[in-house]
Amino acid sequence: KVIGADISPGLLACARDRQLGDDALFFLFDG
């Protein structure tokens, strides 16, 4: 299970497009 953090909404949208299901949670953070 993975938690992904990034400062870019655009890159995070690409990560979510991978549709990794409940095993991956992605969130935007302030750096």
Full PDB file with SEQRES, HELIX, SHEET, SSBOND, CRYST1, ORIGX, SCALE, CONECT and MASTER records, all heavy atoms in Angstrom:
SEQRES   1 A   31  LYS VAL ILE GLY ALA ASP ILE SER PRO GLY LEU LEU ALA          
SEQRES   2 A   31  CYS ALA ARG ASP ARG GLN LEU GLY ASP ASP ALA LEU PHE          
SEQRES   3 A   31  PHE LEU PHE ASP GLY                                          
HELIX    1 AA1 PRO A    9  ARG A   16  1                                   8    
HELIX    2 AA2 GLY A   21  ASP A   23  5                                   3    
SHEET    1 AA1 2 VAL A   2  ASP A   6  0                                        
SHEET    2 AA1 2 ALA A  24  LEU A  28  1                                        
CRYST1    1.000    1.000    1.000  90.00  90.00  90.00 P 1           1          
ORIGX1      1.000000  0.000000  0.000000        0.00000                         
ORIGX2      0.000000  1.000000  0.000000        0.00000                         
ORIGX3      0.000000  0.000000  1.000000        0.00000                         
SCALE1      1.000000  0.000000  0.000000        0.00000                         
SCALE2      0.000000  1.000000  0.000000        0.00000                         
SCALE3      0.000000  0.000000  1.000000        0.00000                         
ATOM      1  N   LYS A   1       0.853  -1.179   0.000  1.00  0.00           N  
ATOM      2  CA  LYS A   1       0.000   0.000   0.000  1.00  0.00           C  
ATOM      3  C   LYS A   1       0.893   1.234   0.000  1.00  0.00           C  
ATOM      4  O   LYS A   1       1.937   1.251   0.663  1.00  0.00           O  
ATOM      5  CB  LYS A   1      -0.934   0.005   1.206  1.00  0.00           C  
ATOM      6  CG  LYS A   1      -1.949  -1.129   1.191  1.00  0.00           C  
ATOM      7  CD  LYS A   1      -2.962  -0.988   2.304  1.00  0.00           C  
ATOM      8  CE  LYS A   1      -3.962  -2.157   2.291  1.00  0.00           C  
ATOM      9  NZ  LYS A   1      -4.754  -2.160   1.027  1.00  0.00           N  
ATOM     10  N   VAL A   2       0.482   2.245  -0.746  1.00  0.00           N  
ATOM     11  CA  VAL A   2       1.348   3.401  -0.947  1.00  0.00           C  
ATOM     12  C   VAL A   2       0.573   4.692  -0.741  1.00  0.00           C  
ATOM     13  O   VAL A   2      -0.620   4.787  -1.057  1.00  0.00           O  
ATOM     14  CB  VAL A   2       1.985   3.361  -2.361  1.00  0.00           C  
ATOM     15  CG1 VAL A   2       0.930   3.366  -3.441  1.00  0.00           C  
ATOM     16  CG2 VAL A   2       2.961   4.501  -2.559  1.00  0.00           C  
ATOM     17  N   ILE A   3       1.280   5.667  -0.174  1.00  0.00           N  
ATOM     18  CA  ILE A   3       0.773   7.035  -0.054  1.00  0.00           C  
ATOM     19  C   ILE A   3       1.675   7.912  -0.908  1.00  0.00           C  
ATOM     20  O   ILE A   3       2.887   7.938  -0.700  1.00  0.00           O  
ATOM     21  CB  ILE A   3       0.798   7.516   1.405  1.00  0.00           C  
ATOM     22  CG1 ILE A   3      -0.032   6.598   2.297  1.00  0.00           C  
ATOM     23  CG2 ILE A   3       0.291   8.948   1.506  1.00  0.00           C  
ATOM     24  CD1 ILE A   3       0.166   6.860   3.783  1.00  0.00           C  
ATOM     25  N   GLY A   4       1.090   8.602  -1.884  1.00  0.00           N  
ATOM     26  CA  GLY A   4       1.871   9.442  -2.779  1.00  0.00           C  
ATOM     27  C   GLY A   4       1.637  10.910  -2.495  1.00  0.00           C  
ATOM     28  O   GLY A   4       0.480  11.347  -2.408  1.00  0.00           O  
ATOM     29  N   ALA A   5       2.700  11.669  -2.346  1.00  0.00           N  
ATOM     30  CA  ALA A   5       2.602  13.101  -2.059  1.00  0.00           C  
ATOM     31  C   ALA A   5       3.320  13.885  -3.136  1.00  0.00           C  
ATOM     32  O   ALA A   5       4.426  13.524  -3.549  1.00  0.00           O  
ATOM     33  CB  ALA A   5       3.217  13.415  -0.693  1.00  0.00           C  
ATOM     34  N   ASP A   6       2.686  14.980  -3.593  1.00  0.00           N  
ATOM     35  CA  ASP A   6       3.336  15.832  -4.576  1.00  0.00           C  
ATOM     36  C   ASP A   6       2.791  17.250  -4.460  1.00  0.00           C  
ATOM     37  O   ASP A   6       1.695  17.458  -3.917  1.00  0.00           O  
ATOM     38  CB  ASP A   6       3.115  15.309  -6.000  1.00  0.00           C  
ATOM     39  CG  ASP A   6       4.239  15.731  -6.949  1.00  0.00           C  
ATOM     40  OD1 ASP A   6       4.207  16.873  -7.436  1.00  0.00           O  
ATOM     41  OD2 ASP A   6       5.152  14.926  -7.181  1.00  0.00           O  
ATOM     42  N   ILE A   7       3.550  18.221  -4.997  1.00  0.00           N  
ATOM     43  CA  ILE A   7       3.119  19.616  -4.958  1.00  0.00           C  
ATOM     44  C   ILE A   7       2.312  20.002  -6.195  1.00  0.00           C  
ATOM     45  O   ILE A   7       1.731  21.083  -6.239  1.00  0.00           O  
ATOM     46  CB  ILE A   7       4.316  20.579  -4.829  1.00  0.00           C  
ATOM     47  CG1 ILE A   7       5.212  20.510  -6.077  1.00  0.00           C  
ATOM     48  CG2 ILE A   7       5.117  20.292  -3.561  1.00  0.00           C  
ATOM     49  CD1 ILE A   7       6.227  21.629  -6.169  1.00  0.00           C  
ATOM     50  N   SER A   8       2.259  19.126  -7.210  1.00  0.00           N  
ATOM     51  CA  SER A   8       1.656  19.471  -8.490  1.00  0.00           C  
ATOM     52  C   SER A   8       0.302  18.797  -8.692  1.00  0.00           C  
ATOM     53  O   SER A   8       0.231  17.570  -8.806  1.00  0.00           O  
ATOM     54  CB  SER A   8       2.597  19.062  -9.639  1.00  0.00           C  
ATOM     55  OG  SER A   8       1.918  19.071 -10.883  1.00  0.00           O  
ATOM     56  N   PRO A   9      -0.783  19.564  -8.793  1.00  0.00           N  
ATOM     57  CA  PRO A   9      -2.083  18.962  -9.097  1.00  0.00           C  
ATOM     58  C   PRO A   9      -2.091  18.243 -10.449  1.00  0.00           C  
ATOM     59  O   PRO A   9      -2.749  17.198 -10.595  1.00  0.00           O  
ATOM     60  CB  PRO A   9      -3.040  20.164  -9.109  1.00  0.00           C  
ATOM     61  CG  PRO A   9      -2.361  21.214  -8.287  1.00  0.00           C  
ATOM     62  CD  PRO A   9      -0.894  21.015  -8.529  1.00  0.00           C  
ATOM     63  N   GLY A  10      -1.369  18.783 -11.421  1.00  0.00           N  
ATOM     64  CA  GLY A  10      -1.337  18.156 -12.732  1.00  0.00           C  
ATOM     65  C   GLY A  10      -0.691  16.780 -12.707  1.00  0.00           C  
ATOM     66  O   GLY A  10      -1.211  15.821 -13.294  1.00  0.00           O  
ATOM     67  N   LEU A  11       0.457  16.664 -12.033  1.00  0.00           N  
ATOM     68  CA  LEU A  11       1.116  15.361 -11.926  1.00  0.00           C  
ATOM     69  C   LEU A  11       0.267  14.381 -11.118  1.00  0.00           C  
ATOM     70  O   LEU A  11       0.182  13.190 -11.456  1.00  0.00           O  
ATOM     71  CB  LEU A  11       2.496  15.517 -11.290  1.00  0.00           C  
ATOM     72  CG  LEU A  11       3.532  16.303 -12.095  1.00  0.00           C  
ATOM     73  CD1 LEU A  11       4.855  16.357 -11.346  1.00  0.00           C  
ATOM     74  CD2 LEU A  11       3.740  15.711 -13.489  1.00  0.00           C  
ATOM     75  N   LEU A  12      -0.372  14.863 -10.063  1.00  0.00           N  
ATOM     76  CA  LEU A  12      -1.220  13.984  -9.256  1.00  0.00           C  
ATOM     77  C   LEU A  12      -2.405  13.470 -10.060  1.00  0.00           C  
ATOM     78  O   LEU A  12      -2.835  12.320  -9.876  1.00  0.00           O  
ATOM     79  CB  LEU A  12      -1.712  14.723  -8.007  1.00  0.00           C  
ATOM     80  CG  LEU A  12      -0.679  14.907  -6.901  1.00  0.00           C  
ATOM     81  CD1 LEU A  12      -1.229  15.839  -5.828  1.00  0.00           C  
ATOM     82  CD2 LEU A  12      -0.268  13.577  -6.289  1.00  0.00           C  
ATOM     83  N   ALA A  13      -2.944  14.289 -10.953  1.00  0.00           N  
ATOM     84  CA  ALA A  13      -4.040  13.822 -11.806  1.00  0.00           C  
ATOM     85  C   ALA A  13      -3.581  12.652 -12.675  1.00  0.00           C  
ATOM     86  O   ALA A  13      -4.318  11.673 -12.871  1.00  0.00           O  
ATOM     87  CB  ALA A  13      -4.554  14.967 -12.676  1.00  0.00           C  
ATOM     88  N   CYS A  14      -2.339  12.731 -13.179  1.00  0.00           N  
ATOM     89  CA  CYS A  14      -1.779  11.622 -13.960  1.00  0.00           C  
ATOM     90  C   CYS A  14      -1.622  10.372 -13.098  1.00  0.00           C  
ATOM     91  O   CYS A  14      -1.884   9.251 -13.553  1.00  0.00           O  
ATOM     92  CB  CYS A  14      -0.439  12.019 -14.556  1.00  0.00           C  
ATOM     93  SG  CYS A  14      -0.504  13.376 -15.749  1.00  0.00           S  
ATOM     94  N   ALA A  15      -1.182  10.559 -11.846  1.00  0.00           N  
ATOM     95  CA  ALA A  15      -1.027   9.418 -10.941  1.00  0.00           C  
ATOM     96  C   ALA A  15      -2.377   8.754 -10.681  1.00  0.00           C  
ATOM     97  O   ALA A  15      -2.496   7.517 -10.695  1.00  0.00           O  
ATOM     98  CB  ALA A  15      -0.391   9.870  -9.634  1.00  0.00           C  
ATOM     99  N   ARG A  16      -3.399   9.556 -10.455  1.00  0.00           N  
ATOM    100  CA  ARG A  16      -4.729   8.992 -10.189  1.00  0.00           C  
ATOM    101  C   ARG A  16      -5.296   8.292 -11.420  1.00  0.00           C  
ATOM    102  O   ARG A  16      -6.070   7.341 -11.298  1.00  0.00           O  
ATOM    103  CB  ARG A  16      -5.666  10.094  -9.708  1.00  0.00           C  
ATOM    104  CG  ARG A  16      -5.275  10.665  -8.334  1.00  0.00           C  
ATOM    105  CD  ARG A  16      -6.307  11.634  -7.804  1.00  0.00           C  
ATOM    106  NE  ARG A  16      -5.912  12.157  -6.493  1.00  0.00           N  
ATOM    107  CZ  ARG A  16      -5.462  13.400  -6.283  1.00  0.00           C  
ATOM    108  NH1 ARG A  16      -5.363  14.252  -7.306  1.00  0.00           N  
ATOM    109  NH2 ARG A  16      -5.109  13.778  -5.068  1.00  0.00           N  
ATOM    110  N   ASP A  17      -4.893   8.759 -12.609  1.00  0.00           N  
ATOM    111  CA  ASP A  17      -5.351   8.119 -13.843  1.00  0.00           C  
ATOM    112  C   ASP A  17      -4.853   6.682 -13.972  1.00  0.00           C  
ATOM    113  O   ASP A  17      -5.385   5.909 -14.782  1.00  0.00           O  
ATOM    114  CB  ASP A  17      -4.888   8.926 -15.065  1.00  0.00           C  
ATOM    115  CG  ASP A  17      -5.714  10.185 -15.281  1.00  0.00           C  
ATOM    116  OD1 ASP A  17      -6.809  10.298 -14.673  1.00  0.00           O  
ATOM    117  OD2 ASP A  17      -5.270  11.070 -16.045  1.00  0.00           O  
ATOM    118  N   ARG A  18      -3.847   6.315 -13.200  1.00  0.00           N  
ATOM    119  CA  ARG A  18      -3.364   4.933 -13.234  1.00  0.00           C  
ATOM    120  C   ARG A  18      -4.367   3.956 -12.603  1.00  0.00           C  
ATOM    121  O   ARG A  18      -4.246   2.745 -12.778  1.00  0.00           O  
ATOM    122  CB  ARG A  18      -2.015   4.816 -12.515  1.00  0.00           C  
ATOM    123  CG  ARG A  18      -0.876   5.518 -13.239  1.00  0.00           C  
ATOM    124  CD  ARG A  18       0.426   5.357 -12.486  1.00  0.00           C  
ATOM    125  NE  ARG A  18       1.524   6.074 -13.093  1.00  0.00           N  
ATOM    126  CZ  ARG A  18       2.349   5.570 -14.012  1.00  0.00           C  
ATOM    127  NH1 ARG A  18       2.201   4.308 -14.405  1.00  0.00           N  
ATOM    128  NH2 ARG A  18       3.336   6.304 -14.517  1.00  0.00           N  
ATOM    129  N   GLN A  19      -5.313   4.510 -11.833  1.00  0.00           N  
ATOM    130  CA  GLN A  19      -6.387   3.706 -11.232  1.00  0.00           C  
ATOM    131  C   GLN A  19      -5.815   2.515 -10.449  1.00  0.00           C  
ATOM    132  O   GLN A  19      -6.102   1.357 -10.749  1.00  0.00           O  
ATOM    133  CB  GLN A  19      -7.372   3.243 -12.317  1.00  0.00           C  
ATOM    134  CG  GLN A  19      -8.058   4.413 -13.021  1.00  0.00           C  
ATOM    135  CD  GLN A  19      -9.081   3.984 -14.046  1.00  0.00           C  
ATOM    136  OE1 GLN A  19      -9.129   2.827 -14.463  1.00  0.00           O  
ATOM    137  NE2 GLN A  19      -9.907   4.911 -14.477  1.00  0.00           N  
ATOM    138  N   LEU A  20      -5.027   2.845  -9.447  1.00  0.00           N  
ATOM    139  CA  LEU A  20      -4.395   1.816  -8.623  1.00  0.00           C  
ATOM    140  C   LEU A  20      -5.297   1.313  -7.505  1.00  0.00           C  
ATOM    141  O   LEU A  20      -4.886   0.478  -6.700  1.00  0.00           O  
ATOM    142  CB  LEU A  20      -3.089   2.368  -8.044  1.00  0.00           C  
ATOM    143  CG  LEU A  20      -2.036   2.784  -9.085  1.00  0.00           C  
ATOM    144  CD1 LEU A  20      -0.814   3.374  -8.405  1.00  0.00           C  
ATOM    145  CD2 LEU A  20      -1.655   1.607  -9.974  1.00  0.00           C  
ATOM    146  N   GLY A  21      -6.509   1.835  -7.421  1.00  0.00           N  
ATOM    147  CA  GLY A  21      -7.491   1.327  -6.474  1.00  0.00           C  
ATOM    148  C   GLY A  21      -7.220   1.757  -5.048  1.00  0.00           C  
ATOM    149  O   GLY A  21      -6.553   2.766  -4.777  1.00  0.00           O  
ATOM    150  N   ASP A  22      -7.713   0.948  -4.120  1.00  0.00           N  
ATOM    151  CA  ASP A  22      -7.619   1.286  -2.701  1.00  0.00           C  
ATOM    152  C   ASP A  22      -6.213   1.129  -2.142  1.00  0.00           C  
ATOM    153  O   ASP A  22      -5.958   1.519  -1.001  1.00  0.00           O  
ATOM    154  CB  ASP A  22      -8.574   0.402  -1.893  1.00  0.00           C  
ATOM    155  CG  ASP A  22     -10.042   0.677  -2.219  1.00  0.00           C  
ATOM    156  OD1 ASP A  22     -10.324   1.793  -2.702  1.00  0.00           O  
ATOM    157  OD2 ASP A  22     -10.875  -0.218  -1.996  1.00  0.00           O  
ATOM    158  N   ASP A  23      -5.301   0.569  -2.928  1.00  0.00           N  
ATOM    159  CA  ASP A  23      -3.929   0.373  -2.445  1.00  0.00           C  
ATOM    160  C   ASP A  23      -3.077   1.627  -2.572  1.00  0.00           C  
ATOM    161  O   ASP A  23      -1.929   1.634  -2.115  1.00  0.00           O  
ATOM    162  CB  ASP A  23      -3.259  -0.768  -3.216  1.00  0.00           C  
ATOM    163  CG  ASP A  23      -3.857  -2.120  -2.869  1.00  0.00           C  
ATOM    164  OD1 ASP A  23      -4.313  -2.280  -1.727  1.00  0.00           O  
ATOM    165  OD2 ASP A  23      -3.872  -2.998  -3.751  1.00  0.00           O  
ATOM    166  N   ALA A  24      -3.603   2.679  -3.204  1.00  0.00           N  
ATOM    167  CA  ALA A  24      -2.828   3.907  -3.389  1.00  0.00           C  
ATOM    168  C   ALA A  24      -3.680   5.123  -3.040  1.00  0.00           C  
ATOM    169  O   ALA A  24      -4.821   5.242  -3.486  1.00  0.00           O  
ATOM    170  CB  ALA A  24      -2.336   4.015  -4.822  1.00  0.00           C  
ATOM    171  N   LEU A  25      -3.128   5.983  -2.221  1.00  0.00           N  
ATOM    172  CA  LEU A  25      -3.763   7.243  -1.856  1.00  0.00           C  
ATOM    173  C   LEU A  25      -2.813   8.374  -2.237  1.00  0.00           C  
ATOM    174  O   LEU A  25      -1.660   8.376  -1.824  1.00  0.00           O  
ATOM    175  CB  LEU A  25      -4.055   7.289  -0.352  1.00  0.00           C  
ATOM    176  CG  LEU A  25      -4.519   8.635   0.217  1.00  0.00           C  
ATOM    177  CD1 LEU A  25      -5.906   8.979  -0.320  1.00  0.00           C  
ATOM    178  CD2 LEU A  25      -4.530   8.608   1.738  1.00  0.00           C  
ATOM    179  N   PHE A  26      -3.291   9.332  -3.041  1.00  0.00           N  
ATOM    180  CA  PHE A  26      -2.461  10.447  -3.482  1.00  0.00           C  
ATOM    181  C   PHE A  26      -2.999  11.743  -2.894  1.00  0.00           C  
ATOM    182  O   PHE A  26      -4.207  11.965  -2.852  1.00  0.00           O  
ATOM    183  CB  PHE A  26      -2.464  10.542  -5.010  1.00  0.00           C  
ATOM    184  CG  PHE A  26      -1.873   9.343  -5.685  1.00  0.00           C  
ATOM    185  CD1 PHE A  26      -2.686   8.410  -6.319  1.00  0.00           C  
ATOM    186  CD2 PHE A  26      -0.505   9.133  -5.680  1.00  0.00           C  
ATOM    187  CE1 PHE A  26      -2.146   7.292  -6.943  1.00  0.00           C  
ATOM    188  CE2 PHE A  26       0.049   8.022  -6.302  1.00  0.00           C  
ATOM    189  CZ  PHE A  26      -0.781   7.100  -6.935  1.00  0.00           C  
ATOM    190  N   PHE A  27      -2.082  12.608  -2.436  1.00  0.00           N  
ATOM    191  CA  PHE A  27      -2.527  13.884  -1.885  1.00  0.00           C  
ATOM    192  C   PHE A  27      -1.565  15.006  -2.251  1.00  0.00           C  
ATOM    193  O   PHE A  27      -0.371  14.798  -2.449  1.00  0.00           O  
ATOM    194  CB  PHE A  27      -2.705  13.804  -0.363  1.00  0.00           C  
ATOM    195  CG  PHE A  27      -1.447  13.627   0.434  1.00  0.00           C  
ATOM    196  CD1 PHE A  27      -0.698  14.721   0.848  1.00  0.00           C  
ATOM    197  CD2 PHE A  27      -1.001  12.357   0.782  1.00  0.00           C  
ATOM    198  CE1 PHE A  27       0.458  14.561   1.592  1.00  0.00           C  
ATOM    199  CE2 PHE A  27       0.156  12.187   1.526  1.00  0.00           C  
ATOM    200  CZ  PHE A  27       0.890  13.300   1.937  1.00  0.00           C  
ATOM    201  N   LEU A  28      -2.142  16.197  -2.358  1.00  0.00           N  
ATOM    202  CA  LEU A  28      -1.397  17.415  -2.626  1.00  0.00           C  
ATOM    203  C   LEU A  28      -0.880  17.978  -1.312  1.00  0.00           C  
ATOM    204  O   LEU A  28      -1.612  18.026  -0.324  1.00  0.00           O  
ATOM    205  CB  LEU A  28      -2.322  18.426  -3.305  1.00  0.00           C  
ATOM    206  CG  LEU A  28      -1.706  19.746  -3.769  1.00  0.00           C  
ATOM    207  CD1 LEU A  28      -0.803  19.526  -4.979  1.00  0.00           C  
ATOM    208  CD2 LEU A  28      -2.823  20.744  -4.124  1.00  0.00           C  
ATOM    209  N   PHE A  29       0.392  18.400  -1.286  1.00  0.00           N  
ATOM    210  CA  PHE A  29       0.898  19.027  -0.071  1.00  0.00           C  
ATOM    211  C   PHE A  29       1.676  20.279  -0.438  1.00  0.00           C  
ATOM    212  O   PHE A  29       1.957  20.544  -1.616  1.00  0.00           O  
ATOM    213  CB  PHE A  29       1.706  18.035   0.770  1.00  0.00           C  
ATOM    214  CG  PHE A  29       3.155  17.895   0.416  1.00  0.00           C  
ATOM    215  CD1 PHE A  29       4.144  18.231   1.319  1.00  0.00           C  
ATOM    216  CD2 PHE A  29       3.533  17.390  -0.823  1.00  0.00           C  
ATOM    217  CE1 PHE A  29       5.482  18.086   1.012  1.00  0.00           C  
ATOM    218  CE2 PHE A  29       4.871  17.237  -1.145  1.00  0.00           C  
ATOM    219  CZ  PHE A  29       5.849  17.593  -0.219  1.00  0.00           C  
ATOM    220  N   ASP A  30       1.986  21.063   0.568  1.00  0.00           N  
ATOM    221  CA  ASP A  30       2.529  22.403   0.337  1.00  0.00           C  
ATOM    222  C   ASP A  30       4.048  22.434   0.176  1.00  0.00           C  
ATOM    223  O   ASP A  30       4.641  23.509   0.043  1.00  0.00           O  
ATOM    224  CB  ASP A  30       2.112  23.353   1.461  1.00  0.00           C  
ATOM    225  CG  ASP A  30       2.646  22.919   2.838  1.00  0.00           C  
ATOM    226  OD1 ASP A  30       3.430  21.945   2.909  1.00  0.00           O  
ATOM    227  OD2 ASP A  30       2.257  23.558   3.836  1.00  0.00           O  
ATOM    228  N   GLY A  31       4.691  21.270   0.182  1.00  0.00           N  
ATOM    229  CA  GLY A  31       6.140  21.228   0.042  1.00  0.00           C  
ATOM    230  C   GLY A  31       6.886  21.484   1.333  1.00  0.00           C  
ATOM    231  O   GLY A  31       8.114  21.558   1.336  1.00  0.00           O  
TER     232      GLY A  31                                                      
MASTER        0    0    0    2    2    0    0    6  231    1    0    3          
END                                                                             
